Amino acid sequence: MRNANIIISVPFLPPSLNAYRRYHWRVQRKTEAIWKNYIFVKWLELKRPTYEAVHITLQFYFPDKRLRDLDNYMATGGKLVGDALKGCFIPDDSPEHLTCPPMP
């Protein structure tokens, strides 16, 4: 498939990188599984499209106006999304198959 814009809205936020690193490894794997399962179901709903490469954009909507370090959410969100896309939408999450916009 070529040049398709697909929007997948995930109804939950990734943990911040600081929180994610403090998780026990079992909690990290459970968090990864939640993201992988959610993206996998969306992939099935979209009729299993495959791409040689994708470019992802992440947008976060926080429930309140507290200040947050967006870099921490981008790092964890990018990892969780990249891992979830691998094997479904794209063959691998290497830079030749997956790109993200640079941080401002």
PDB file of N, CA and C in Angstrom:
ATOM      1  N   MET A   1       0.840  -1.169   0.000  1.00  0.00           N
ATOM      2  CA  MET A   1       0.000   0.000   0.000  1.00  0.00           C
ATOM      3  C   MET A   1       0.890   1.239   0.000  1.00  0.00           C
ATOM      4  N   ARG A   2       0.449   2.311  -0.647  1.00  0.00           N
ATOM      5  CA  ARG A   2       1.288   3.505  -0.753  1.00  0.00           C
ATOM      6  C   ARG A   2       0.518   4.760  -0.370  1.00  0.00           C
ATOM      7  N   ASN A   3       1.220   5.724   0.198  1.00  0.00           N
ATOM      8  CA  ASN A   3       0.732   7.072   0.445  1.00  0.00           C
ATOM      9  C   ASN A   3      -0.673   7.129   1.042  1.00  0.00           C
ATOM     10  N   ALA A   4      -0.875   6.462   2.113  1.00  0.00           N
ATOM     11  CA  ALA A   4      -2.149   6.523   2.809  1.00  0.00           C
ATOM     12  C   ALA A   4      -1.948   7.239   4.138  1.00  0.00           C
ATOM     13  N   ASN A   5      -2.878   8.092   4.486  1.00  0.00           N
ATOM     14  CA  ASN A   5      -2.857   8.730   5.798  1.00  0.00           C
ATOM     15  C   ASN A   5      -3.807   7.967   6.693  1.00  0.00           C
ATOM     16  N   ILE A   6      -3.274   7.399   7.729  1.00  0.00           N
ATOM     17  CA  ILE A   6      -4.085   6.649   8.677  1.00  0.00           C
ATOM     18  C   ILE A   6      -3.959   7.329  10.031  1.00  0.00           C
ATOM     19  N   ILE A   7      -5.085   7.585  10.655  1.00  0.00           N
ATOM     20  CA  ILE A   7      -5.091   8.174  11.990  1.00  0.00           C
ATOM     21  C   ILE A   7      -5.609   7.124  12.954  1.00  0.00           C
ATOM     22  N   ILE A   8      -4.815   6.843  13.961  1.00  0.00           N
ATOM     23  CA  ILE A   8      -5.229   5.922  15.012  1.00  0.00           C
ATOM     24  C   ILE A   8      -5.221   6.706  16.315  1.00  0.00           C
ATOM     25  N   SER A   9      -6.384   6.862  16.890  1.00  0.00           N
ATOM     26  CA  SER A   9      -6.497   7.555  18.177  1.00  0.00           C
ATOM     27  C   SER A   9      -6.482   6.523  19.285  1.00  0.00           C
ATOM     28  N   VAL A  10      -5.560   6.692  20.195  1.00  0.00           N
ATOM     29  CA  VAL A  10      -5.438   5.780  21.329  1.00  0.00           C
ATOM     30  C   VAL A  10      -6.051   6.491  22.537  1.00  0.00           C
ATOM     31  N   PRO A  11      -7.015   5.877  23.201  1.00  0.00           N
ATOM     32  CA  PRO A  11      -7.745   6.567  24.278  1.00  0.00           C
ATOM     33  C   PRO A  11      -7.021   6.609  25.624  1.00  0.00           C
ATOM     34  N   PHE A  12      -5.720   6.375  25.621  1.00  0.00           N
ATOM     35  CA  PHE A  12      -4.960   6.445  26.862  1.00  0.00           C
ATOM     36  C   PHE A  12      -3.579   7.006  26.560  1.00  0.00           C
ATOM     37  N   LEU A  13      -2.956   7.553  27.576  1.00  0.00           N
ATOM     38  CA  LEU A  13      -1.634   8.157  27.424  1.00  0.00           C
ATOM     39  C   LEU A  13      -0.545   7.150  27.740  1.00  0.00           C
ATOM     40  N   PRO A  14       0.614   7.311  27.110  1.00  0.00           N
ATOM     41  CA  PRO A  14       1.743   6.481  27.533  1.00  0.00           C
ATOM     42  C   PRO A  14       2.245   7.013  28.877  1.00  0.00           C
ATOM     43  N   PRO A  15       2.909   6.182  29.645  1.00  0.00           N
ATOM     44  CA  PRO A  15       3.532   6.711  30.860  1.00  0.00           C
ATOM     45  C   PRO A  15       4.696   7.604  30.466  1.00  0.00           C
ATOM     46  N   SER A  16       5.057   8.524  31.341  1.00  0.00           N
ATOM     47  CA  SER A  16       6.243   9.329  31.055  1.00  0.00           C
ATOM     48  C   SER A  16       7.455   8.402  31.104  1.00  0.00           C
ATOM     49  N   LEU A  17       8.519   8.801  30.450  1.00  0.00           N
ATOM     50  CA  LEU A  17       9.729   7.984  30.421  1.00  0.00           C
ATOM     51  C   LEU A  17      10.257   7.749  31.838  1.00  0.00           C
ATOM     52  N   ASN A  18      10.176   8.781  32.675  1.00  0.00           N
ATOM     53  CA  ASN A  18      10.646   8.635  34.053  1.00  0.00           C
ATOM     54  C   ASN A  18       9.859   7.560  34.797  1.00  0.00           C
ATOM     55  N   ALA A  19       8.537   7.570  34.660  1.00  0.00           N
ATOM     56  CA  ALA A  19       7.706   6.562  35.321  1.00  0.00           C
ATOM     57  C   ALA A  19       7.957   5.179  34.722  1.00  0.00           C
ATOM     58  N   TYR A  20       8.028   5.113  33.391  1.00  0.00           N
ATOM     59  CA  TYR A  20       8.212   3.837  32.697  1.00  0.00           C
ATOM     60  C   TYR A  20       9.506   3.155  33.124  1.00  0.00           C
ATOM     61  N   ARG A  21      10.569   3.928  33.267  1.00  0.00           N
ATOM     62  CA  ARG A  21      11.850   3.352  33.686  1.00  0.00           C
ATOM     63  C   ARG A  21      11.828   2.824  35.112  1.00  0.00           C
ATOM     64  N   ARG A  22      10.960   3.370  35.938  1.00  0.00           N
ATOM     65  CA  ARG A  22      10.854   2.902  37.323  1.00  0.00           C
ATOM     66  C   ARG A  22       9.951   1.678  37.462  1.00  0.00           C
ATOM     67  N   TYR A  23       9.173   1.376  36.426  1.00  0.00           N
ATOM     68  CA  TYR A  23       8.294   0.211  36.486  1.00  0.00           C
ATOM     69  C   TYR A  23       9.109  -1.068  36.636  1.00  0.00           C
ATOM     70  N   HIS A  24       8.532  -2.022  37.337  1.00  0.00           N
ATOM     71  CA  HIS A  24       9.082  -3.376  37.352  1.00  0.00           C
ATOM     72  C   HIS A  24       8.989  -3.914  35.921  1.00  0.00           C
ATOM     73  N   TRP A  25       9.880  -4.804  35.531  1.00  0.00           N
ATOM     74  CA  TRP A  25       9.885  -5.298  34.151  1.00  0.00           C
ATOM     75  C   TRP A  25       8.553  -5.923  33.758  1.00  0.00           C
ATOM     76  N   ARG A  26       7.858  -6.554  34.705  1.00  0.00           N
ATOM     77  CA  ARG A  26       6.558  -7.154  34.378  1.00  0.00           C
ATOM     78  C   ARG A  26       5.523  -6.093  34.035  1.00  0.00           C
ATOM     79  N   VAL A  27       5.562  -4.977  34.732  1.00  0.00           N
ATOM     80  CA  VAL A  27       4.640  -3.874  34.451  1.00  0.00           C
ATOM     81  C   VAL A  27       4.988  -3.246  33.096  1.00  0.00           C
ATOM     82  N   GLN A  28       6.275  -3.150  32.777  1.00  0.00           N
ATOM     83  CA  GLN A  28       6.682  -2.645  31.460  1.00  0.00           C
ATOM     84  C   GLN A  28       6.125  -3.543  30.362  1.00  0.00           C
ATOM     85  N   ARG A  29       6.264  -4.856  30.517  1.00  0.00           N
ATOM     86  CA  ARG A  29       5.765  -5.792  29.492  1.00  0.00           C
ATOM     87  C   ARG A  29       4.246  -5.714  29.368  1.00  0.00           C
ATOM     88  N   LYS A  30       3.558  -5.539  30.490  1.00  0.00           N
ATOM     89  CA  LYS A  30       2.098  -5.425  30.449  1.00  0.00           C
ATOM     90  C   LYS A  30       1.693  -4.148  29.711  1.00  0.00           C
ATOM     91  N   THR A  31       2.396  -3.049  29.968  1.00  0.00           N
ATOM     92  CA  THR A  31       2.128  -1.791  29.274  1.00  0.00           C
ATOM     93  C   THR A  31       2.361  -1.963  27.774  1.00  0.00           C
ATOM     94  N   GLU A  32       3.464  -2.594  27.402  1.00  0.00           N
ATOM     95  CA  GLU A  32       3.756  -2.851  25.989  1.00  0.00           C
ATOM     96  C   GLU A  32       2.666  -3.714  25.355  1.00  0.00           C
ATOM     97  N   ALA A  33       2.196  -4.718  26.074  1.00  0.00           N
ATOM     98  CA  ALA A  33       1.157  -5.617  25.546  1.00  0.00           C
ATOM     99  C   ALA A  33      -0.155  -4.864  25.323  1.00  0.00           C
ATOM    100  N   ILE A  34      -0.490  -3.955  26.203  1.00  0.00           N
ATOM    101  CA  ILE A  34      -1.720  -3.163  26.047  1.00  0.00           C
ATOM    102  C   ILE A  34      -1.652  -2.366  24.748  1.00  0.00           C
ATOM    103  N   TRP A  35      -0.521  -1.704  24.504  1.00  0.00           N
ATOM    104  CA  TRP A  35      -0.356  -0.915  23.284  1.00  0.00           C
ATOM    105  C   TRP A  35      -0.347  -1.815  22.049  1.00  0.00           C
ATOM    106  N   LYS A  36       0.384  -2.921  22.097  1.00  0.00           N
ATOM    107  CA  LYS A  36       0.450  -3.832  20.947  1.00  0.00           C
ATOM    108  C   LYS A  36      -0.924  -4.398  20.614  1.00  0.00           C
ATOM    109  N   ASN A  37      -1.669  -4.803  21.620  1.00  0.00           N
ATOM    110  CA  ASN A  37      -3.005  -5.359  21.385  1.00  0.00           C
ATOM    111  C   ASN A  37      -3.944  -4.319  20.797  1.00  0.00           C
ATOM    112  N   TYR A  38      -3.883  -3.103  21.302  1.00  0.00           N
ATOM    113  CA  TYR A  38      -4.755  -2.044  20.791  1.00  0.00           C
ATOM    114  C   TYR A  38      -4.450  -1.757  19.323  1.00  0.00           C
ATOM    115  N   ILE A  39      -3.172  -1.593  18.997  1.00  0.00           N
ATOM    116  CA  ILE A  39      -2.777  -1.312  17.608  1.00  0.00           C
ATOM    117  C   ILE A  39      -3.087  -2.510  16.708  1.00  0.00           C
ATOM    118  N   PHE A  40      -2.902  -3.726  17.216  1.00  0.00           N
ATOM    119  CA  PHE A  40      -3.201  -4.922  16.431  1.00  0.00           C
ATOM    120  C   PHE A  40      -4.677  -4.982  16.051  1.00  0.00           C
ATOM    121  N   VAL A  41      -5.557  -4.675  16.972  1.00  0.00           N
ATOM    122  CA  VAL A  41      -6.996  -4.673  16.683  1.00  0.00           C
ATOM    123  C   VAL A  41      -7.316  -3.615  15.624  1.00  0.00           C
ATOM    124  N   LYS A  42      -6.702  -2.439  15.734  1.00  0.00           N
ATOM    125  CA  LYS A  42      -6.911  -1.392  14.726  1.00  0.00           C
ATOM    126  C   LYS A  42      -6.406  -1.854  13.362  1.00  0.00           C
ATOM    127  N   TRP A  43      -5.273  -2.551  13.341  1.00  0.00           N
ATOM    128  CA  TRP A  43      -4.725  -3.089  12.097  1.00  0.00           C
ATOM    129  C   TRP A  43      -5.709  -4.073  11.455  1.00  0.00           C
ATOM    130  N   LEU A  44      -6.289  -4.931  12.275  1.00  0.00           N
ATOM    131  CA  LEU A  44      -7.283  -5.875  11.755  1.00  0.00           C
ATOM    132  C   LEU A  44      -8.514  -5.151  11.227  1.00  0.00           C
ATOM    133  N   GLU A  45      -8.969  -4.123  11.951  1.00  0.00           N
ATOM    134  CA  GLU A  45     -10.134  -3.353  11.512  1.00  0.00           C
ATOM    135  C   GLU A  45      -9.883  -2.648  10.177  1.00  0.00           C
ATOM    136  N   LEU A  46      -8.639  -2.280   9.931  1.00  0.00           N
ATOM    137  CA  LEU A  46      -8.270  -1.603   8.691  1.00  0.00           C
ATOM    138  C   LEU A  46      -7.974  -2.589   7.557  1.00  0.00           C
ATOM    139  N   LYS A  47      -8.240  -3.859   7.760  1.00  0.00           N
ATOM    140  CA  LYS A  47      -8.048  -4.920   6.752  1.00  0.00           C
ATOM    141  C   LYS A  47      -6.585  -5.249   6.508  1.00  0.00           C
ATOM    142  N   ARG A  48      -5.754  -5.175   7.528  1.00  0.00           N
ATOM    143  CA  ARG A  48      -4.354  -5.594   7.513  1.00  0.00           C
ATOM    144  C   ARG A  48      -3.474  -4.909   6.469  1.00  0.00           C
ATOM    145  N   PRO A  49      -3.476  -3.589   6.437  1.00  0.00           N
ATOM    146  CA  PRO A  49      -2.586  -2.930   5.463  1.00  0.00           C
ATOM    147  C   PRO A  49      -1.126  -3.102   5.865  1.00  0.00           C
ATOM    148  N   THR A  50      -0.251  -3.169   4.876  1.00  0.00           N
ATOM    149  CA  THR A  50       1.182  -3.240   5.145  1.00  0.00           C
ATOM    150  C   THR A  50       1.887  -2.141   4.362  1.00  0.00           C
ATOM    151  N   TYR A  51       2.975  -1.671   4.927  1.00  0.00           N
ATOM    152  CA  TYR A  51       3.752  -0.589   4.332  1.00  0.00           C
ATOM    153  C   TYR A  51       5.222  -0.929   4.454  1.00  0.00           C
ATOM    154  N   GLU A  52       5.996  -0.419   3.533  1.00  0.00           N
ATOM    155  CA  GLU A  52       7.443  -0.595   3.619  1.00  0.00           C
ATOM    156  C   GLU A  52       8.023   0.377   4.653  1.00  0.00           C
ATOM    157  N   ALA A  53       7.408   1.563   4.747  1.00  0.00           N
ATOM    158  CA  ALA A  53       7.871   2.567   5.713  1.00  0.00           C
ATOM    159  C   ALA A  53       6.692   3.437   6.142  1.00  0.00           C
ATOM    160  N   VAL A  54       6.752   3.928   7.365  1.00  0.00           N
ATOM    161  CA  VAL A  54       5.729   4.843   7.874  1.00  0.00           C
ATOM    162  C   VAL A  54       6.409   5.989   8.615  1.00  0.00           C
ATOM    163  N   HIS A  55       5.703   7.084   8.684  1.00  0.00           N
ATOM    164  CA  HIS A  55       6.126   8.247   9.454  1.00  0.00           C
ATOM    165  C   HIS A  55       5.022   8.496  10.472  1.00  0.00           C
ATOM    166  N   ILE A  56       5.370   8.490  11.747  1.00  0.00           N
ATOM    167  CA  ILE A  56       4.336   8.686  12.767  1.00  0.00           C
ATOM    168  C   ILE A  56       4.419  10.089  13.354  1.00  0.00           C
ATOM    169  N   THR A  57       3.277  10.574  13.745  1.00  0.00           N
ATOM    170  CA  THR A  57       3.155  11.835  14.463  1.00  0.00           C
ATOM    171  C   THR A  57       2.349  11.547  15.718  1.00  0.00           C
ATOM    172  N   LEU A  58       2.837  12.005  16.840  1.00  0.00           N
ATOM    173  CA  LEU A  58       2.149  11.785  18.102  1.00  0.00           C
ATOM    174  C   LEU A  58       1.572  13.105  18.606  1.00  0.00           C
ATOM    175  N   GLN A  59       0.323  13.073  19.035  1.00  0.00           N
ATOM    176  CA  GLN A  59      -0.308  14.218  19.683  1.00  0.00           C
ATOM    177  C   GLN A  59      -0.873  13.727  21.006  1.00  0.00           C
ATOM    178  N   PHE A  60      -0.619  14.477  22.055  1.00  0.00           N
ATOM    179  CA  PHE A  60      -1.093  14.096  23.376  1.00  0.00           C
ATOM    180  C   PHE A  60      -2.111  15.113  23.869  1.00  0.00           C
ATOM    181  N   TYR A  61      -3.170  14.617  24.464  1.00  0.00           N
ATOM    182  CA  TYR A  61      -4.196  15.458  25.070  1.00  0.00           C
ATOM    183  C   TYR A  61      -4.276  15.070  26.533  1.00  0.00           C
ATOM    184  N   PHE A  62      -3.737  15.924  27.377  1.00  0.00           N
ATOM    185  CA  PHE A  62      -3.692  15.641  28.801  1.00  0.00           C
ATOM    186  C   PHE A  62      -4.997  16.080  29.465  1.00  0.00           C
ATOM    187  N   PRO A  63      -5.383  15.405  30.555  1.00  0.00           N
ATOM    188  CA  PRO A  63      -6.674  15.693  31.185  1.00  0.00           C
ATOM    189  C   PRO A  63      -6.709  16.984  32.001  1.00  0.00           C
ATOM    190  N   ASP A  64      -5.561  17.603  32.225  1.00  0.00           N
ATOM    191  CA  ASP A  64      -5.533  18.843  32.997  1.00  0.00           C
ATOM    192  C   ASP A  64      -4.446  19.757  32.438  1.00  0.00           C
ATOM    193  N   LYS A  65      -4.274  20.907  33.042  1.00  0.00           N
ATOM    194  CA  LYS A  65      -3.333  21.901  32.523  1.00  0.00           C
ATOM    195  C   LYS A  65      -1.984  21.898  33.234  1.00  0.00           C
ATOM    196  N   ARG A  66      -1.682  20.829  33.976  1.00  0.00           N
ATOM    197  CA  ARG A  66      -0.367  20.751  34.620  1.00  0.00           C
ATOM    198  C   ARG A  66       0.732  20.757  33.568  1.00  0.00           C
ATOM    199  N   LEU A  67       1.854  21.363  33.930  1.00  0.00           N
ATOM    200  CA  LEU A  67       3.006  21.331  33.031  1.00  0.00           C
ATOM    201  C   LEU A  67       3.647  19.951  33.067  1.00  0.00           C
ATOM    202  N   ARG A  68       4.020  19.469  31.888  1.00  0.00           N
ATOM    203  CA  ARG A  68       4.666  18.169  31.775  1.00  0.00           C
ATOM    204  C   ARG A  68       5.866  18.292  30.846  1.00  0.00           C
ATOM    205  N   ASP A  69       6.810  17.413  31.020  1.00  0.00           N
ATOM    206  CA  ASP A  69       7.964  17.358  30.137  1.00  0.00           C
ATOM    207  C   ASP A  69       7.566  16.507  28.929  1.00  0.00           C
ATOM    208  N   LEU A  70       7.197  17.158  27.852  1.00  0.00           N
ATOM    209  CA  LEU A  70       6.674  16.456  26.677  1.00  0.00           C
ATOM    210  C   LEU A  70       7.683  15.470  26.090  1.00  0.00           C
ATOM    211  N   ASP A  71       8.973  15.767  26.203  1.00  0.00           N
ATOM    212  CA  ASP A  71      10.001  14.848  25.693  1.00  0.00           C
ATOM    213  C   ASP A  71       9.866  13.459  26.318  1.00  0.00           C
ATOM    214  N   ASN A  72       9.521  13.398  27.597  1.00  0.00           N
ATOM    215  CA  ASN A  72       9.368  12.107  28.273  1.00  0.00           C
ATOM    216  C   ASN A  72       8.204  11.301  27.695  1.00  0.00           C
ATOM    217  N   TYR A  73       7.118  11.961  27.346  1.00  0.00           N
ATOM    218  CA  TYR A  73       5.969  11.269  26.763  1.00  0.00           C
ATOM    219  C   TYR A  73       6.240  10.889  25.308  1.00  0.00           C
ATOM    220  N   MET A  74       6.968  11.757  24.584  1.00  0.00           N
ATOM    221  CA  MET A  74       7.321  11.444  23.196  1.00  0.00           C
ATOM    222  C   MET A  74       8.221  10.215  23.134  1.00  0.00           C
ATOM    223  N   ALA A  75       9.175  10.129  24.045  1.00  0.00           N
ATOM    224  CA  ALA A  75      10.098   8.991  24.049  1.00  0.00           C
ATOM    225  C   ALA A  75       9.356   7.684  24.298  1.00  0.00           C
ATOM    226  N   THR A  76       8.536   7.663  25.327  1.00  0.00           N
ATOM    227  CA  THR A  76       7.811   6.435  25.650  1.00  0.00           C
ATOM    228  C   THR A  76       6.739   6.143  24.614  1.00  0.00           C
ATOM    229  N   GLY A  77       6.002   7.172  24.201  1.00  0.00           N
ATOM    230  CA  GLY A  77       4.956   6.977  23.190  1.00  0.00           C
ATOM    231  C   GLY A  77       5.534   6.483  21.881  1.00  0.00           C
ATOM    232  N   GLY A  78       6.661   7.063  21.452  1.00  0.00           N
ATOM    233  CA  GLY A  78       7.302   6.622  20.218  1.00  0.00           C
ATOM    234  C   GLY A  78       7.757   5.175  20.286  1.00  0.00           C
ATOM    235  N   LYS A  79       8.304   4.783  21.432  1.00  0.00           N
ATOM    236  CA  LYS A  79       8.745   3.392  21.610  1.00  0.00           C
ATOM    237  C   LYS A  79       7.554   2.440  21.571  1.00  0.00           C
ATOM    238  N   LEU A  80       6.501   2.772  22.315  1.00  0.00           N
ATOM    239  CA  LEU A  80       5.339   1.885  22.380  1.00  0.00           C
ATOM    240  C   LEU A  80       4.636   1.783  21.032  1.00  0.00           C
ATOM    241  N   VAL A  81       4.509   2.891  20.320  1.00  0.00           N
ATOM    242  CA  VAL A  81       3.875   2.862  19.003  1.00  0.00           C
ATOM    243  C   VAL A  81       4.752   2.104  18.006  1.00  0.00           C
ATOM    244  N   GLY A  82       6.043   2.392  17.999  1.00  0.00           N
ATOM    245  CA  GLY A  82       6.955   1.693  17.086  1.00  0.00           C
ATOM    246  C   GLY A  82       6.946   0.191  17.295  1.00  0.00           C
ATOM    247  N   ASP A  83       6.998  -0.220  18.556  1.00  0.00           N
ATOM    248  CA  ASP A  83       6.954  -1.653  18.855  1.00  0.00           C
ATOM    249  C   ASP A  83       5.628  -2.271  18.420  1.00  0.00           C
ATOM    250  N   ALA A  84       4.549  -1.518  18.567  1.00  0.00           N
ATOM    251  CA  ALA A  84       3.225  -2.040  18.208  1.00  0.00           C
ATOM    252  C   ALA A  84       3.045  -2.142  16.691  1.00  0.00           C
ATOM    253  N   LEU A  85       3.637  -1.218  15.937  1.00  0.00           N
ATOM    254  CA  LEU A  85       3.498  -1.238  14.480  1.00  0.00           C
ATOM    255  C   LEU A  85       4.307  -2.354  13.838  1.00  0.00           C
ATOM    256  N   LYS A  86       5.427  -2.707  14.488  1.00  0.00           N
ATOM    257  CA  LYS A  86       6.339  -3.728  13.949  1.00  0.00           C
ATOM    258  C   LYS A  86       5.618  -5.071  13.822  1.00  0.00           C
ATOM    259  N   GLY A  87       5.724  -5.659  12.668  1.00  0.00           N
ATOM    260  CA  GLY A  87       5.107  -6.956  12.443  1.00  0.00           C
ATOM    261  C   GLY A  87       3.688  -6.872  11.932  1.00  0.00           C
ATOM    262  N   CYS A  88       3.061  -5.721  12.051  1.00  0.00           N
ATOM    263  CA  CYS A  88       1.707  -5.520  11.502  1.00  0.00           C
ATOM    264  C   CYS A  88       1.808  -4.590  10.301  1.00  0.00           C
ATOM    265  N   PHE A  89       1.896  -3.313  10.584  1.00  0.00           N
ATOM    266  CA  PHE A  89       1.935  -2.313   9.528  1.00  0.00           C
ATOM    267  C   PHE A  89       3.267  -2.295   8.789  1.00  0.00           C
ATOM    268  N   ILE A  90       4.366  -2.515   9.508  1.00  0.00           N
ATOM    269  CA  ILE A  90       5.705  -2.439   8.919  1.00  0.00           C
ATOM    270  C   ILE A  90       6.507  -3.682   9.310  1.00  0.00           C
ATOM    271  N   PRO A  91       7.514  -4.050   8.503  1.00  0.00           N
ATOM    272  CA  PRO A  91       8.282  -5.257   8.809  1.00  0.00           C
ATOM    273  C   PRO A  91       9.192  -5.127  10.029  1.00  0.00           C
ATOM    274  N   ASP A  92       9.641  -3.903  10.327  1.00  0.00           N
ATOM    275  CA  ASP A  92      10.573  -3.715  11.441  1.00  0.00           C
ATOM    276  C   ASP A  92      10.454  -2.273  11.913  1.00  0.00           C
ATOM    277  N   ASP A  93      10.923  -1.998  13.126  1.00  0.00           N
ATOM    278  CA  ASP A  93      10.859  -0.624  13.633  1.00  0.00           C
ATOM    279  C   ASP A  93      12.202   0.091  13.500  1.00  0.00           C
ATOM    280  N   SER A  94      13.015  -0.331  12.569  1.00  0.00           N
ATOM    281  CA  SER A  94      14.301   0.327  12.314  1.00  0.00           C
ATOM    282  C   SER A  94      14.046   1.664  11.605  1.00  0.00           C
ATOM    283  N   PRO A  95      15.040   2.556  11.605  1.00  0.00           N
ATOM    284  CA  PRO A  95      14.863   3.867  10.971  1.00  0.00           C
ATOM    285  C   PRO A  95      14.495   3.824   9.486  1.00  0.00           C
ATOM    286  N   GLU A  96      14.836   2.769   8.792  1.00  0.00           N
ATOM    287  CA  GLU A  96      14.457   2.703   7.377  1.00  0.00           C
ATOM    288  C   GLU A  96      12.970   2.415   7.204  1.00  0.00           C
ATOM    289  N   HIS A  97      12.303   1.899   8.227  1.00  0.00           N
ATOM    290  CA  HIS A  97      10.877   1.591   8.153  1.00  0.00           C
ATOM    291  C   HIS A  97      10.011   2.524   8.992  1.00  0.00           C
ATOM    292  N   LEU A  98      10.592   3.183   9.973  1.00  0.00           N
ATOM    293  CA  LEU A  98       9.811   3.995  10.900  1.00  0.00           C
ATOM    294  C   LEU A  98      10.529   5.302  11.191  1.00  0.00           C
ATOM    295  N   THR A  99       9.862   6.415  10.938  1.00  0.00           N
ATOM    296  CA  THR A  99      10.421   7.713  11.263  1.00  0.00           C
ATOM    297  C   THR A  99       9.420   8.520  12.069  1.00  0.00           C
ATOM    298  N   CYS A 100       9.941   9.420  12.868  1.00  0.00           N
ATOM    299  CA  CYS A 100       9.153  10.338  13.680  1.00  0.00           C
ATOM    300  C   CYS A 100       9.675  11.746  13.402  1.00  0.00           C
ATOM    301  N   PRO A 101       8.810  12.755  13.603  1.00  0.00           N
ATOM    302  CA  PRO A 101       9.323  14.112  13.409  1.00  0.00           C
ATOM    303  C   PRO A 101      10.338  14.459  14.500  1.00  0.00           C
ATOM    304  N   PRO A 102      11.281  15.327  14.180  1.00  0.00           N
ATOM    305  CA  PRO A 102      12.244  15.727  15.222  1.00  0.00           C
ATOM    306  C   PRO A 102      11.545  16.531  16.316  1.00  0.00           C
ATOM    307  N   MET A 103      12.083  16.449  17.493  1.00  0.00           N
ATOM    308  CA  MET A 103      11.528  17.205  18.615  1.00  0.00           C
ATOM    309  C   MET A 103      11.839  18.682  18.427  1.00  0.00           C
ATOM    310  N   PRO A 104      10.876  19.554  18.786  1.00  0.00           N
ATOM    311  CA  PRO A 104      11.115  21.004  18.639  1.00  0.00           C
ATOM    312  C   PRO A 104      12.187  21.495  19.565  1.00  0.00           C
TER     313      PRO A 104
END
